[in-house]
PDB file of N, CA and C in Angstrom:
ATOM      1  N   MET A   1       0.855  -1.171   0.000  1.00  0.00           N
ATOM      2  CA  MET A   1       0.000   0.000   0.000  1.00  0.00           C
ATOM      3  C   MET A   1       0.903   1.236   0.000  1.00  0.00           C
ATOM      4  N   ASN A   2       0.570   2.213  -0.830  1.00  0.00           N
ATOM      5  CA  ASN A   2       1.432   3.396  -0.859  1.00  0.00           C
ATOM      6  C   ASN A   2       1.165   4.288   0.350  1.00  0.00           C
ATOM      7  N   ARG A   3       2.032   5.237   0.544  1.00  0.00           N
ATOM      8  CA  ARG A   3       2.008   6.061   1.756  1.00  0.00           C
ATOM      9  C   ARG A   3       0.747   6.933   1.835  1.00  0.00           C
ATOM     10  N   GLN A   4       0.313   7.500   0.706  1.00  0.00           N
ATOM     11  CA  GLN A   4      -0.856   8.378   0.696  1.00  0.00           C
ATOM     12  C   GLN A   4      -2.127   7.593   1.050  1.00  0.00           C
ATOM     13  N   ALA A   5      -2.295   6.401   0.521  1.00  0.00           N
ATOM     14  CA  ALA A   5      -3.457   5.577   0.837  1.00  0.00           C
ATOM     15  C   ALA A   5      -3.434   5.177   2.312  1.00  0.00           C
ATOM     16  N   ASN A   6      -2.279   4.897   2.845  1.00  0.00           N
ATOM     17  CA  ASN A   6      -2.142   4.515   4.242  1.00  0.00           C
ATOM     18  C   ASN A   6      -2.578   5.668   5.156  1.00  0.00           C
ATOM     19  N   GLN A   7      -2.225   6.901   4.814  1.00  0.00           N
ATOM     20  CA  GLN A   7      -2.603   8.052   5.626  1.00  0.00           C
ATOM     21  C   GLN A   7      -4.105   8.311   5.559  1.00  0.00           C
ATOM     22  N   SER A   8      -4.739   8.078   4.409  1.00  0.00           N
ATOM     23  CA  SER A   8      -6.171   8.313   4.305  1.00  0.00           C
ATOM     24  C   SER A   8      -6.943   7.322   5.163  1.00  0.00           C
ATOM     25  N   TRP A   9      -6.458   6.097   5.306  1.00  0.00           N
ATOM     26  CA  TRP A   9      -7.118   5.113   6.161  1.00  0.00           C
ATOM     27  C   TRP A   9      -6.998   5.492   7.634  1.00  0.00           C
ATOM     28  N   ARG A  10      -5.961   6.222   7.991  1.00  0.00           N
ATOM     29  CA  ARG A  10      -5.818   6.663   9.382  1.00  0.00           C
ATOM     30  C   ARG A  10      -6.766   7.801   9.714  1.00  0.00           C
ATOM     31  N   THR A  11      -7.047   8.656   8.753  1.00  0.00           N
ATOM     32  CA  THR A  11      -7.914   9.803   9.033  1.00  0.00           C
ATOM     33  C   THR A  11      -9.381   9.422   9.019  1.00  0.00           C
ATOM     34  N   LEU A  12      -9.751   8.347   8.357  1.00  0.00           N
ATOM     35  CA  LEU A  12     -11.152   7.935   8.306  1.00  0.00           C
ATOM     36  C   LEU A  12     -11.727   7.652   9.694  1.00  0.00           C
ATOM     37  N   PRO A  13     -11.076   6.884  10.554  1.00  0.00           N
ATOM     38  CA  PRO A  13     -11.621   6.691  11.913  1.00  0.00           C
ATOM     39  C   PRO A  13     -11.705   7.998  12.700  1.00  0.00           C
ATOM     40  N   THR A  14     -10.747   8.875  12.509  1.00  0.00           N
ATOM     41  CA  THR A  14     -10.769  10.164  13.205  1.00  0.00           C
ATOM     42  C   THR A  14     -11.975  10.982  12.766  1.00  0.00           C
ATOM     43  N   LEU A  15     -12.242  11.010  11.479  1.00  0.00           N
ATOM     44  CA  LEU A  15     -13.404  11.751  10.975  1.00  0.00           C
ATOM     45  C   LEU A  15     -14.709  11.114  11.459  1.00  0.00           C
ATOM     46  N   SER A  16     -14.749   9.813  11.507  1.00  0.00           N
ATOM     47  CA  SER A  16     -15.953   9.122  11.983  1.00  0.00           C
ATOM     48  C   SER A  16     -16.229   9.460  13.444  1.00  0.00           C
ATOM     49  N   ILE A  17     -15.200   9.436  14.252  1.00  0.00           N
ATOM     50  CA  ILE A  17     -15.355   9.773  15.671  1.00  0.00           C
ATOM     51  C   ILE A  17     -15.806  11.214  15.822  1.00  0.00           C
ATOM     52  N   ALA A  18     -15.225  12.121  15.046  1.00  0.00           N
ATOM     53  CA  ALA A  18     -15.603  13.531  15.114  1.00  0.00           C
ATOM     54  C   ALA A  18     -17.075  13.713  14.724  1.00  0.00           C
ATOM     55  N   LEU A  19     -17.524  12.992  13.711  1.00  0.00           N
ATOM     56  CA  LEU A  19     -18.916  13.094  13.279  1.00  0.00           C
ATOM     57  C   LEU A  19     -19.863  12.587  14.361  1.00  0.00           C
ATOM     58  N   VAL A  20     -19.550  11.475  14.968  1.00  0.00           N
ATOM     59  CA  VAL A  20     -20.386  10.928  16.037  1.00  0.00           C
ATOM     60  C   VAL A  20     -20.447  11.891  17.212  1.00  0.00           C
ATOM     61  N   LEU A  21     -19.330  12.465  17.598  1.00  0.00           N
ATOM     62  CA  LEU A  21     -19.320  13.427  18.706  1.00  0.00           C
ATOM     63  C   LEU A  21     -20.149  14.663  18.373  1.00  0.00           C
ATOM     64  N   TRP A  22     -20.037  15.132  17.145  1.00  0.00           N
ATOM     65  CA  TRP A  22     -20.806  16.304  16.715  1.00  0.00           C
ATOM     66  C   TRP A  22     -22.306  16.026  16.801  1.00  0.00           C
ATOM     67  N   VAL A  23     -22.739  14.849  16.358  1.00  0.00           N
ATOM     68  CA  VAL A  23     -24.152  14.480  16.416  1.00  0.00           C
ATOM     69  C   VAL A  23     -24.623  14.407  17.865  1.00  0.00           C
ATOM     70  N   LEU A  24     -23.828  13.823  18.748  1.00  0.00           N
ATOM     71  CA  LEU A  24     -24.203  13.722  20.155  1.00  0.00           C
ATOM     72  C   LEU A  24     -24.325  15.093  20.804  1.00  0.00           C
ATOM     73  N   VAL A  25     -23.395  15.979  20.516  1.00  0.00           N
ATOM     74  CA  VAL A  25     -23.441  17.329  21.075  1.00  0.00           C
ATOM     75  C   VAL A  25     -24.664  18.070  20.551  1.00  0.00           C
ATOM     76  N   ALA A  26     -24.944  17.959  19.256  1.00  0.00           N
ATOM     77  CA  ALA A  26     -26.107  18.632  18.674  1.00  0.00           C
ATOM     78  C   ALA A  26     -27.401  18.096  19.276  1.00  0.00           C
ATOM     79  N   ARG A  27     -27.499  16.802  19.480  1.00  0.00           N
ATOM     80  CA  ARG A  27     -28.703  16.206  20.066  1.00  0.00           C
ATOM     81  C   ARG A  27     -28.891  16.682  21.501  1.00  0.00           C
ATOM     82  N   ASN A  28     -27.821  16.727  22.285  1.00  0.00           N
ATOM     83  CA  ASN A  28     -27.922  17.199  23.668  1.00  0.00           C
ATOM     84  C   ASN A  28     -28.302  18.662  23.728  1.00  0.00           C
ATOM     85  N   ALA A  29     -27.802  19.458  22.789  1.00  0.00           N
ATOM     86  CA  ALA A  29     -28.139  20.879  22.763  1.00  0.00           C
ATOM     87  C   ALA A  29     -29.626  21.065  22.470  1.00  0.00           C
ATOM     88  N   GLN A  30     -30.188  20.263  21.579  1.00  0.00           N
ATOM     89  CA  GLN A  30     -31.604  20.374  21.264  1.00  0.00           C
ATOM     90  C   GLN A  30     -32.465  19.920  22.434  1.00  0.00           C
ATOM     91  N   GLU A  31     -32.049  18.910  23.155  1.00  0.00           N
ATOM     92  CA  GLU A  31     -32.825  18.428  24.287  1.00  0.00           C
ATOM     93  C   GLU A  31     -32.856  19.454  25.419  1.00  0.00           C
ATOM     94  N   ALA A  32     -31.866  20.324  25.497  1.00  0.00           N
ATOM     95  CA  ALA A  32     -31.793  21.312  26.564  1.00  0.00           C
ATOM     96  C   ALA A  32     -32.675  22.527  26.284  1.00  0.00           C
ATOM     97  N   LEU A  33     -33.244  22.652  25.083  1.00  0.00           N
ATOM     98  CA  LEU A  33     -34.077  23.787  24.740  1.00  0.00           C
ATOM     99  C   LEU A  33     -35.494  23.574  25.274  1.00  0.00           C
ATOM    100  N   VAL A  34     -35.954  24.503  26.118  1.00  0.00           N
ATOM    101  CA  VAL A  34     -37.299  24.425  26.688  1.00  0.00           C
ATOM    102  C   VAL A  34     -37.955  25.790  26.548  1.00  0.00           C
ATOM    103  N   SER A  35     -39.135  25.817  25.948  1.00  0.00           N
ATOM    104  CA  SER A  35     -39.927  27.036  25.858  1.00  0.00           C
ATOM    105  C   SER A  35     -41.380  26.653  26.082  1.00  0.00           C
ATOM    106  N   GLU A  36     -41.779  26.649  27.352  1.00  0.00           N
ATOM    107  CA  GLU A  36     -43.128  26.304  27.760  1.00  0.00           C
ATOM    108  C   GLU A  36     -43.622  27.362  28.730  1.00  0.00           C
ATOM    109  N   LEU A  37     -44.896  27.300  29.021  1.00  0.00           N
ATOM    110  CA  LEU A  37     -45.477  28.249  29.959  1.00  0.00           C
ATOM    111  C   LEU A  37     -44.762  28.142  31.304  1.00  0.00           C
ATOM    112  N   GLY A  38     -44.129  29.202  31.718  1.00  0.00           N
ATOM    113  CA  GLY A  38     -43.423  29.230  32.989  1.00  0.00           C
ATOM    114  C   GLY A  38     -42.006  28.667  32.945  1.00  0.00           C
ATOM    115  N   GLN A  39     -41.580  28.131  31.807  1.00  0.00           N
ATOM    116  CA  GLN A  39     -40.228  27.569  31.682  1.00  0.00           C
ATOM    117  C   GLN A  39     -39.591  28.071  30.396  1.00  0.00           C
ATOM    118  N   TYR A  40     -38.357  28.486  30.495  1.00  0.00           N
ATOM    119  CA  TYR A  40     -37.625  28.963  29.331  1.00  0.00           C
ATOM    120  C   TYR A  40     -36.146  28.757  29.597  1.00  0.00           C
ATOM    121  N   LYS A  41     -35.509  27.856  28.821  1.00  0.00           N
ATOM    122  CA  LYS A  41     -34.063  27.667  28.986  1.00  0.00           C
ATOM    123  C   LYS A  41     -33.454  27.135  27.698  1.00  0.00           C
ATOM    124  N   GLY A  42     -32.183  27.400  27.536  1.00  0.00           N
ATOM    125  CA  GLY A  42     -31.445  26.857  26.417  1.00  0.00           C
ATOM    126  C   GLY A  42     -31.368  27.748  25.196  1.00  0.00           C
ATOM    127  N   TYR A  43     -32.147  28.811  25.120  1.00  0.00           N
ATOM    128  CA  TYR A  43     -32.114  29.696  23.962  1.00  0.00           C
ATOM    129  C   TYR A  43     -31.205  30.882  24.247  1.00  0.00           C
ATOM    130  N   THR A  44     -31.733  31.892  24.862  1.00  0.00           N
ATOM    131  CA  THR A  44     -30.958  33.063  25.276  1.00  0.00           C
ATOM    132  C   THR A  44     -31.262  33.323  26.745  1.00  0.00           C
ATOM    133  N   GLU A  45     -30.504  34.176  27.338  1.00  0.00           N
ATOM    134  CA  GLU A  45     -30.759  34.534  28.727  1.00  0.00           C
ATOM    135  C   GLU A  45     -32.026  35.382  28.797  1.00  0.00           C
ATOM    136  N   PRO A  46     -32.904  35.140  29.767  1.00  0.00           N
ATOM    137  CA  PRO A  46     -34.118  35.950  29.903  1.00  0.00           C
ATOM    138  C   PRO A  46     -33.774  37.414  30.185  1.00  0.00           C
ATOM    139  N   ILE A  47     -34.537  38.306  29.586  1.00  0.00           N
ATOM    140  CA  ILE A  47     -34.326  39.742  29.783  1.00  0.00           C
ATOM    141  C   ILE A  47     -35.018  40.203  31.068  1.00  0.00           C
ATOM    142  N   TYR A  48     -36.188  39.623  31.347  1.00  0.00           N
ATOM    143  CA  TYR A  48     -36.985  40.027  32.493  1.00  0.00           C
ATOM    144  C   TYR A  48     -37.019  38.894  33.508  1.00  0.00           C
ATOM    145  N   ASP A  49     -36.984  39.227  34.793  1.00  0.00           N
ATOM    146  CA  ASP A  49     -36.931  38.178  35.809  1.00  0.00           C
ATOM    147  C   ASP A  49     -38.286  37.874  36.444  1.00  0.00           C
ATOM    148  N   GLN A  50     -39.311  38.677  36.176  1.00  0.00           N
ATOM    149  CA  GLN A  50     -40.643  38.433  36.698  1.00  0.00           C
ATOM    150  C   GLN A  50     -41.656  39.264  35.938  1.00  0.00           C
ATOM    151  N   TRP A  51     -42.906  39.214  36.355  1.00  0.00           N
ATOM    152  CA  TRP A  51     -43.935  40.043  35.749  1.00  0.00           C
ATOM    153  C   TRP A  51     -44.803  40.643  36.846  1.00  0.00           C
ATOM    154  N   VAL A  52     -45.463  41.759  36.496  1.00  0.00           N
ATOM    155  CA  VAL A  52     -46.315  42.472  37.442  1.00  0.00           C
ATOM    156  C   VAL A  52     -47.727  42.505  36.860  1.00  0.00           C
ATOM    157  N   ARG A  53     -48.696  42.180  37.692  1.00  0.00           N
ATOM    158  CA  ARG A  53     -50.098  42.144  37.261  1.00  0.00           C
ATOM    159  C   ARG A  53     -50.851  43.333  37.842  1.00  0.00           C
ATOM    160  N   THR A  54     -51.580  44.036  36.983  1.00  0.00           N
ATOM    161  CA  THR A  54     -52.489  45.092  37.430  1.00  0.00           C
ATOM    162  C   THR A  54     -53.855  44.811  36.819  1.00  0.00           C
ATOM    163  N   SER A  55     -54.900  45.275  37.478  1.00  0.00           N
ATOM    164  CA  SER A  55     -56.264  45.081  36.999  1.00  0.00           C
ATOM    165  C   SER A  55     -56.956  46.430  36.918  1.00  0.00           C
ATOM    166  N   GLN A  56     -57.831  46.566  35.933  1.00  0.00           N
ATOM    167  CA  GLN A  56     -58.613  47.788  35.798  1.00  0.00           C
ATOM    168  C   GLN A  56     -59.865  47.475  34.989  1.00  0.00           C
ATOM    169  N   TYR A  57     -60.807  48.428  34.991  1.00  0.00           N
ATOM    170  CA  TYR A  57     -62.021  48.281  34.200  1.00  0.00           C
ATOM    171  C   TYR A  57     -61.915  49.153  32.964  1.00  0.00           C
ATOM    172  N   VAL A  58     -62.443  48.630  31.858  1.00  0.00           N
ATOM    173  CA  VAL A  58     -62.504  49.388  30.608  1.00  0.00           C
ATOM    174  C   VAL A  58     -63.973  49.484  30.210  1.00  0.00           C
ATOM    175  N   THR A  59     -64.439  50.700  29.971  1.00  0.00           N
ATOM    176  CA  THR A  59     -65.825  50.900  29.555  1.00  0.00           C
ATOM    177  C   THR A  59     -65.894  50.847  28.035  1.00  0.00           C
ATOM    178  N   VAL A  60     -66.782  49.995  27.514  1.00  0.00           N
ATOM    179  CA  VAL A  60     -66.925  49.853  26.066  1.00  0.00           C
ATOM    180  C   VAL A  60     -68.075  50.720  25.577  1.00  0.00           C
ATOM    181  N   TRP A  61     -68.337  50.730  24.284  1.00  0.00           N
ATOM    182  CA  TRP A  61     -69.253  51.668  23.640  1.00  0.00           C
ATOM    183  C   TRP A  61     -70.664  51.654  24.217  1.00  0.00           C
ATOM    184  N   ASP A  62     -71.142  50.505  24.719  1.00  0.00           N
ATOM    185  CA  ASP A  62     -72.517  50.447  25.234  1.00  0.00           C
ATOM    186  C   ASP A  62     -72.590  50.691  26.741  1.00  0.00           C
ATOM    187  N   GLY A  63     -71.483  51.082  27.358  1.00  0.00           N
ATOM    188  CA  GLY A  63     -71.464  51.387  28.781  1.00  0.00           C
ATOM    189  C   GLY A  63     -71.083  50.218  29.667  1.00  0.00           C
ATOM    190  N   THR A  64     -70.927  49.036  29.085  1.00  0.00           N
ATOM    191  CA  THR A  64     -70.525  47.870  29.860  1.00  0.00           C
ATOM    192  C   THR A  64     -69.082  48.030  30.313  1.00  0.00           C
ATOM    193  N   ARG A  65     -68.841  47.678  31.564  1.00  0.00           N
ATOM    194  CA  ARG A  65     -67.475  47.752  32.090  1.00  0.00           C
ATOM    195  C   ARG A  65     -66.862  46.354  32.062  1.00  0.00           C
ATOM    196  N   LEU A  66     -65.745  46.212  31.403  1.00  0.00           N
ATOM    197  CA  LEU A  66     -65.041  44.940  31.311  1.00  0.00           C
ATOM    198  C   LEU A  66     -63.819  44.968  32.224  1.00  0.00           C
ATOM    199  N   ALA A  67     -63.632  43.886  32.977  1.00  0.00           N
ATOM    200  CA  ALA A  67     -62.442  43.770  33.824  1.00  0.00           C
ATOM    201  C   ALA A  67     -61.276  43.290  32.965  1.00  0.00           C
ATOM    202  N   VAL A  68     -60.142  43.949  33.103  1.00  0.00           N
ATOM    203  CA  VAL A  68     -58.960  43.630  32.297  1.00  0.00           C
ATOM    204  C   VAL A  68     -57.775  43.416  33.230  1.00  0.00           C
ATOM    205  N   ASP A  69     -57.064  42.318  33.028  1.00  0.00           N
ATOM    206  CA  ASP A  69     -55.799  42.091  33.739  1.00  0.00           C
ATOM    207  C   ASP A  69     -54.659  42.438  32.788  1.00  0.00           C
ATOM    208  N   ILE A  70     -53.721  43.208  33.277  1.00  0.00           N
ATOM    209  CA  ILE A  70     -52.560  43.605  32.473  1.00  0.00           C
ATOM    210  C   ILE A  70     -51.324  42.984  33.114  1.00  0.00           C
ATOM    211  N   LEU A  71     -50.620  42.161  32.344  1.00  0.00           N
ATOM    212  CA  LEU A  71     -49.385  41.520  32.810  1.00  0.00           C
ATOM    213  C   LEU A  71     -48.215  42.185  32.085  1.00  0.00           C
ATOM    214  N   ARG A  72     -47.337  42.789  32.869  1.00  0.00           N
ATOM    215  CA  ARG A  72     -46.189  43.487  32.282  1.00  0.00           C
ATOM    216  C   ARG A  72     -44.902  42.857  32.776  1.00  0.00           C
ATOM    217  N   PRO A  73     -43.911  42.706  31.876  1.00  0.00           N
ATOM    218  CA  PRO A  73     -42.619  42.178  32.317  1.00  0.00           C
ATOM    219  C   PRO A  73     -41.950  43.164  33.266  1.00  0.00           C
ATOM    220  N   ALA A  74     -41.155  42.604  34.190  1.00  0.00           N
ATOM    221  CA  ALA A  74     -40.512  43.450  35.196  1.00  0.00           C
ATOM    222  C   ALA A  74     -39.093  42.977  35.453  1.00  0.00           C
ATOM    223  N   ARG A  75     -38.305  43.905  35.950  1.00  0.00           N
ATOM    224  CA  ARG A  75     -36.945  43.616  36.423  1.00  0.00           C
ATOM    225  C   ARG A  75     -36.883  44.047  37.871  1.00  0.00           C
ATOM    226  N   GLY A  76     -36.616  43.113  38.753  1.00  0.00           N
ATOM    227  CA  GLY A  76     -36.525  43.432  40.169  1.00  0.00           C
ATOM    228  C   GLY A  76     -37.840  43.929  40.746  1.00  0.00           C
ATOM    229  N   GLY A  77     -38.968  43.482  40.214  1.00  0.00           N
ATOM    230  CA  GLY A  77     -40.268  43.889  40.720  1.00  0.00           C
ATOM    231  C   GLY A  77     -40.786  45.198  40.164  1.00  0.00           C
ATOM    232  N   VAL A  78     -40.009  45.872  39.322  1.00  0.00           N
ATOM    233  CA  VAL A  78     -40.416  47.147  38.741  1.00  0.00           C
ATOM    234  C   VAL A  78     -40.782  46.917  37.274  1.00  0.00           C
ATOM    235  N   PRO A  79     -42.032  47.247  36.877  1.00  0.00           N
ATOM    236  CA  PRO A  79     -42.417  47.055  35.478  1.00  0.00           C
ATOM    237  C   PRO A  79     -41.558  47.903  34.547  1.00  0.00           C
ATOM    238  N   VAL A  80     -41.230  47.340  33.388  1.00  0.00           N
ATOM    239  CA  VAL A  80     -40.431  48.096  32.422  1.00  0.00           C
ATOM    240  C   VAL A  80     -41.312  49.147  31.758  1.00  0.00           C
ATOM    241  N   GLU A  81     -40.724  50.263  31.376  1.00  0.00           N
ATOM    242  CA  GLU A  81     -41.453  51.365  30.787  1.00  0.00           C
ATOM    243  C   GLU A  81     -41.361  51.400  29.269  1.00  0.00           C
ATOM    244  N   GLU A  82     -40.438  50.636  28.684  1.00  0.00           N
ATOM    245  CA  GLU A  82     -40.272  50.679  27.235  1.00  0.00           C
ATOM    246  C   GLU A  82     -41.467  50.060  26.519  1.00  0.00           C
ATOM    247  N   PRO A  83     -41.807  50.553  25.337  1.00  0.00           N
ATOM    248  CA  PRO A  83     -42.920  49.975  24.576  1.00  0.00           C
ATOM    249  C   PRO A  83     -42.577  48.560  24.127  1.00  0.00           C
ATOM    250  N   LEU A  84     -43.554  47.664  24.203  1.00  0.00           N
ATOM    251  CA  LEU A  84     -43.368  46.273  23.822  1.00  0.00           C
ATOM    252  C   LEU A  84     -44.429  45.861  22.807  1.00  0.00           C
ATOM    253  N   PRO A  85     -44.091  44.968  21.875  1.00  0.00           N
ATOM    254  CA  PRO A  85     -45.052  44.561  20.834  1.00  0.00           C
ATOM    255  C   PRO A  85     -46.018  43.486  21.355  1.00  0.00           C
ATOM    256  N   VAL A  86     -47.047  43.908  22.048  1.00  0.00           N
ATOM    257  CA  VAL A  86     -48.013  42.966  22.623  1.00  0.00           C
ATOM    258  C   VAL A  86     -49.433  43.412  22.346  1.00  0.00           C
ATOM    259  N   ILE A  87     -50.364  42.486  22.521  1.00  0.00           N
ATOM    260  CA  ILE A  87     -51.787  42.820  22.402  1.00  0.00           C
ATOM    261  C   ILE A  87     -52.438  42.513  23.730  1.00  0.00           C
TER     262      ILE A  87
END
């Protein structure tokens, strides 16, 4: 067997091991991603550490008063003042 062919046979197991490790790492990274109600991990660090709830009444066109709960993100118990894209 010539020298070049001998070297290619040595790198094949190394590449195979690297591929298997890459697949295992990618699979573990995907399993660590959680985005559910009350749980969020594995994506980015959370910007807000809690939320603040306020309630008020809104009067609609026919005079009916509707109760509305407003949930706002907060840092350290203080609601943020910046505009947020929510409904």
